[in-house]
Amino acid sequence: MEISITLLNLGYAIAGALLTIVFMIIGYKMFDRMTPFNTSKQLAEKNIAVGIVVGSIFVGLGIAVGLVIGMALN
């Protein structure tokens, strides 16, 4: 019984991680469309300011989606 609960929680955690990655990709694509410059090109040119903003977006989305998924597990 305990193993099945553990495996179920592991499945939820993996699904949550995959969902978080998908939402991070969607957030990056939305940010890229909203800005007047090509984000990928700016990152390739090692623009530190764009890198900090994109990193902040990933951290913010990761925390938000992670909390929502974590609350769903309980």
Protein backbone atom coordinates (compact mmCIF):
# COMPACT_ATOMS: atom_id res chain seq x y z
CA MET A 1 0.00 0.00 0.00
CA GLU A 2 2.78 2.44 0.92
CA ILE A 3 4.67 1.70 -2.29
CA SER A 4 1.65 2.43 -4.45
CA ILE A 5 1.20 5.81 -2.76
CA THR A 6 4.88 6.57 -3.24
CA LEU A 7 4.74 5.61 -6.91
CA LEU A 8 1.60 7.68 -7.41
CA ASN A 9 3.28 10.72 -5.85
CA LEU A 10 6.34 10.13 -8.02
CA GLY A 11 4.09 10.07 -11.09
CA TYR A 12 2.47 13.34 -9.98
CA ALA A 13 5.89 14.90 -9.44
CA ILE A 14 7.10 13.87 -12.90
CA ALA A 15 3.90 15.13 -14.51
CA GLY A 16 4.24 18.38 -12.57
CA ALA A 17 7.83 18.84 -13.70
CA LEU A 18 6.85 18.27 -17.32
CA LEU A 19 3.96 20.72 -17.04
CA THR A 20 6.27 23.30 -15.49
CA ILE A 21 8.72 22.96 -18.38
CA VAL A 22 5.90 23.31 -20.90
CA PHE A 23 4.63 26.47 -19.20
CA MET A 24 8.18 27.88 -19.10
CA ILE A 25 8.49 27.35 -22.85
CA ILE A 26 5.11 29.02 -23.42
CA GLY A 27 6.14 31.94 -21.20
CA TYR A 28 9.41 32.37 -23.09
CA LYS A 29 7.59 32.33 -26.45
CA MET A 30 5.08 34.91 -25.18
CA PHE A 31 7.90 37.15 -23.92
CA ASP A 32 9.70 36.80 -27.26
CA ARG A 33 6.56 37.91 -29.14
CA MET A 34 5.91 40.87 -26.82
CA THR A 35 9.38 42.38 -27.11
CA PRO A 36 10.45 44.38 -30.17
CA PHE A 37 13.74 42.47 -30.43
CA ASN A 38 14.64 38.85 -31.08
CA THR A 39 15.28 37.38 -27.64
CA SER A 40 17.19 34.35 -28.93
CA LYS A 41 19.49 36.56 -30.97
CA GLN A 42 20.13 38.85 -28.01
CA LEU A 43 20.95 35.86 -25.81
CA ALA A 44 23.31 34.52 -28.49
CA GLU A 45 25.04 37.92 -28.50
CA LYS A 46 25.49 37.52 -24.71
CA ASN A 47 23.22 40.42 -23.75
CA ILE A 48 23.33 40.20 -19.95
CA ALA A 49 20.21 42.30 -19.36
CA VAL A 50 18.06 40.05 -21.55
CA GLY A 51 19.56 37.00 -19.86
CA ILE A 52 18.62 38.32 -16.42
CA VAL A 53 15.04 39.06 -17.54
CA VAL A 54 14.60 35.64 -19.16
CA GLY A 55 16.08 33.95 -16.09
CA SER A 56 13.67 35.89 -13.89
CA ILE A 57 10.75 34.77 -16.04
CA PHE A 58 11.83 31.14 -15.67
CA VAL A 59 12.23 31.44 -11.90
CA GLY A 60 8.88 33.19 -11.49
CA LEU A 61 6.99 30.73 -13.67
CA GLY A 62 8.73 27.80 -11.98
CA ILE A 63 7.74 28.99 -8.53
CA ALA A 64 4.16 29.79 -9.52
CA VAL A 65 3.47 26.58 -11.42
CA GLY A 66 5.38 24.51 -8.87
CA LEU A 67 3.24 25.86 -6.04
CA VAL A 68 0.02 25.20 -7.94
CA ILE A 69 1.08 21.65 -8.73
CA GLY A 70 2.35 21.13 -5.18
CA MET A 71 -0.98 22.24 -3.76
CA ALA A 72 -2.75 19.84 -6.11
CA LEU A 73 -0.75 16.93 -4.69
CA ASN A 74 -2.07 17.52 -1.20
